[in-house]
């Protein structure tokens, strides 16, 4: 077995053991299961990069912190639902005429 296989197995073990818990955490923080799944997917992509660079010691704590940080950086559910992110912000909002 080569190092690449070890890295793939390390990520697979993290995913298998903790995916559901991480989605629940992210969903509670975001108020939306689909957004929680997206955040967890992004967290695993980022952790995969760390593991591929050779750090096989990345564990649940690192992954949880990544999920929480990503969830905190997401806009609130009310903003996502209202579609406010797709609307450009005009300068007239900031300057009274």
C-alpha atoms as a PDB file:
ATOM      1  CA  UNK A   1       0.000   0.000   0.000  1.00  0.00           C
ATOM      2  CA  UNK A   2       1.428   3.404  -0.932  1.00  0.00           C
ATOM      3  CA  UNK A   3       1.045   6.782   0.755  1.00  0.00           C
ATOM      4  CA  UNK A   4      -1.688   7.855  -1.683  1.00  0.00           C
ATOM      5  CA  UNK A   5      -3.818   4.935  -0.554  1.00  0.00           C
ATOM      6  CA  UNK A   6      -3.241   5.880   3.094  1.00  0.00           C
ATOM      7  CA  UNK A   7      -4.398   9.432   2.367  1.00  0.00           C
ATOM      8  CA  UNK A   8      -7.533   8.246   0.583  1.00  0.00           C
ATOM      9  CA  UNK A   9      -8.315   5.847   3.397  1.00  0.00           C
ATOM     10  CA  UNK A  10      -7.814   8.548   6.040  1.00  0.00           C
ATOM     11  CA  UNK A  11     -10.349  10.786   4.304  1.00  0.00           C
ATOM     12  CA  UNK A  12     -12.770   7.894   3.726  1.00  0.00           C
ATOM     13  CA  UNK A  13     -12.626   6.970   7.421  1.00  0.00           C
ATOM     14  CA  UNK A  14     -13.377  10.567   8.440  1.00  0.00           C
ATOM     15  CA  UNK A  15     -16.260  10.746   5.984  1.00  0.00           C
ATOM     16  CA  UNK A  16     -17.801   7.426   6.965  1.00  0.00           C
ATOM     17  CA  UNK A  17     -17.554   8.059  10.689  1.00  0.00           C
ATOM     18  CA  UNK A  18     -18.575  11.715  10.895  1.00  0.00           C
ATOM     19  CA  UNK A  19     -20.501  12.917   7.835  1.00  0.00           C
ATOM     20  CA  UNK A  20     -23.961  12.653   9.431  1.00  0.00           C
ATOM     21  CA  UNK A  21     -22.916  14.416  12.623  1.00  0.00           C
ATOM     22  CA  UNK A  22     -21.253  17.222  10.675  1.00  0.00           C
ATOM     23  CA  UNK A  23     -24.321  17.741   8.460  1.00  0.00           C
ATOM     24  CA  UNK A  24     -26.527  17.952  11.556  1.00  0.00           C
ATOM     25  CA  UNK A  25     -24.205  20.531  13.118  1.00  0.00           C
ATOM     26  CA  UNK A  26     -24.013  22.651   9.970  1.00  0.00           C
ATOM     27  CA  UNK A  27     -27.770  22.362   9.388  1.00  0.00           C
ATOM     28  CA  UNK A  28     -28.498  23.571  12.906  1.00  0.00           C
ATOM     29  CA  UNK A  29     -26.167  26.524  12.459  1.00  0.00           C
ATOM     30  CA  UNK A  30     -27.621  27.432   9.059  1.00  0.00           C
ATOM     31  CA  UNK A  31     -31.243  26.429   9.563  1.00  0.00           C
ATOM     32  CA  UNK A  32     -31.196  24.513   6.278  1.00  0.00           C
ATOM     33  CA  UNK A  33     -30.214  20.902   5.579  1.00  0.00           C
ATOM     34  CA  UNK A  34     -29.182  21.500   1.955  1.00  0.00           C
ATOM     35  CA  UNK A  35     -26.927  24.395   2.963  1.00  0.00           C
ATOM     36  CA  UNK A  36     -25.508  22.207   5.747  1.00  0.00           C
ATOM     37  CA  UNK A  37     -24.681  19.478   3.253  1.00  0.00           C
ATOM     38  CA  UNK A  38     -22.955  22.032   1.006  1.00  0.00           C
ATOM     39  CA  UNK A  39     -20.850  23.321   3.893  1.00  0.00           C
ATOM     40  CA  UNK A  40     -19.800  19.810   4.911  1.00  0.00           C
ATOM     41  CA  UNK A  41     -18.896  18.976   1.320  1.00  0.00           C
ATOM     42  CA  UNK A  42     -16.702  22.090   1.155  1.00  0.00           C
ATOM     43  CA  UNK A  43     -15.109  21.189   4.496  1.00  0.00           C
ATOM     44  CA  UNK A  44     -14.197  17.728   3.217  1.00  0.00           C
ATOM     45  CA  UNK A  45     -12.715  19.262   0.060  1.00  0.00           C
ATOM     46  CA  UNK A  46     -10.536  21.510   2.199  1.00  0.00           C
ATOM     47  CA  UNK A  47      -9.520  18.704   4.555  1.00  0.00           C
ATOM     48  CA  UNK A  48      -8.694  16.556   1.539  1.00  0.00           C
ATOM     49  CA  UNK A  49      -6.217  19.241   0.473  1.00  0.00           C
ATOM     50  CA  UNK A  50      -4.565  19.182   3.888  1.00  0.00           C
ATOM     51  CA  UNK A  51      -4.357  15.387   3.861  1.00  0.00           C
ATOM     52  CA  UNK A  52      -2.996  15.328   0.297  1.00  0.00           C
ATOM     53  CA  UNK A  53      -0.220  17.708   1.373  1.00  0.00           C
ATOM     54  CA  UNK A  54       0.873  15.028   3.805  1.00  0.00           C
ATOM     55  CA  UNK A  55      -0.822  15.783   7.132  1.00  0.00           C
ATOM     56  CA  UNK A  56      -2.445  12.472   8.030  1.00  0.00           C
ATOM     57  CA  UNK A  57      -3.076  13.633  11.590  1.00  0.00           C
ATOM     58  CA  UNK A  58      -6.059  15.797  10.608  1.00  0.00           C
ATOM     59  CA  UNK A  59      -8.938  14.569  12.684  1.00  0.00           C
ATOM     60  CA  UNK A  60     -12.460  15.265  13.749  1.00  0.00           C
ATOM     61  CA  UNK A  61     -11.595  18.453  15.647  1.00  0.00           C
ATOM     62  CA  UNK A  62     -10.055  20.073  12.583  1.00  0.00           C
ATOM     63  CA  UNK A  63     -13.008  18.997  10.453  1.00  0.00           C
ATOM     64  CA  UNK A  64     -15.569  20.293  12.979  1.00  0.00           C
ATOM     65  CA  UNK A  65     -13.810  23.641  13.202  1.00  0.00           C
ATOM     66  CA  UNK A  66     -13.773  23.892   9.403  1.00  0.00           C
ATOM     67  CA  UNK A  67     -17.515  23.143   9.232  1.00  0.00           C
ATOM     68  CA  UNK A  68     -18.348  25.717  11.920  1.00  0.00           C
ATOM     69  CA  UNK A  69     -16.169  28.389  10.294  1.00  0.00           C
ATOM     70  CA  UNK A  70     -17.700  27.760   6.876  1.00  0.00           C
ATOM     71  CA  UNK A  71     -21.224  27.808   8.326  1.00  0.00           C
ATOM     72  CA  UNK A  72     -20.519  31.106  10.073  1.00  0.00           C
ATOM     73  CA  UNK A  73     -19.353  32.626   6.809  1.00  0.00           C
ATOM     74  CA  UNK A  74     -22.574  31.609   5.014  1.00  0.00           C
ATOM     75  CA  UNK A  75     -25.330  34.220   4.738  1.00  0.00           C
ATOM     76  CA  UNK A  76     -28.353  33.658   6.979  1.00  0.00           C
ATOM     77  CA  UNK A  77     -31.185  31.495   5.657  1.00  0.00           C
ATOM     78  CA  UNK A  78     -33.542  34.476   5.473  1.00  0.00           C
ATOM     79  CA  UNK A  79     -31.144  36.243   3.104  1.00  0.00           C
ATOM     80  CA  UNK A  80     -30.675  33.127   0.973  1.00  0.00           C
ATOM     81  CA  UNK A  81     -34.424  32.549   0.721  1.00  0.00           C
ATOM     82  CA  UNK A  82     -35.209  36.149  -0.125  1.00  0.00           C
ATOM     83  CA  UNK A  83     -32.733  36.046  -2.989  1.00  0.00           C
ATOM     84  CA  UNK A  84     -31.075  39.178  -1.717  1.00  0.00           C
ATOM     85  CA  UNK A  85     -27.625  37.899  -2.648  1.00  0.00           C
ATOM     86  CA  UNK A  86     -28.463  37.969  -6.347  1.00  0.00           C
ATOM     87  CA  UNK A  87     -29.460  41.636  -6.289  1.00  0.00           C
ATOM     88  CA  UNK A  88     -26.743  44.229  -6.826  1.00  0.00           C
ATOM     89  CA  UNK A  89     -26.426  46.799  -4.097  1.00  0.00           C
ATOM     90  CA  UNK A  90     -26.781  50.320  -5.440  1.00  0.00           C
ATOM     91  CA  UNK A  91     -24.970  53.278  -3.993  1.00  0.00           C
ATOM     92  CA  UNK A  92     -28.305  55.000  -3.458  1.00  0.00           C
ATOM     93  CA  UNK A  93     -28.750  52.771  -0.415  1.00  0.00           C
ATOM     94  CA  UNK A  94     -25.787  54.488   1.206  1.00  0.00           C
ATOM     95  CA  UNK A  95     -26.291  58.086   0.153  1.00  0.00           C
ATOM     96  CA  UNK A  96     -29.419  60.081   0.865  1.00  0.00           C
ATOM     97  CA  UNK A  97     -30.505  62.412  -1.894  1.00  0.00           C
END
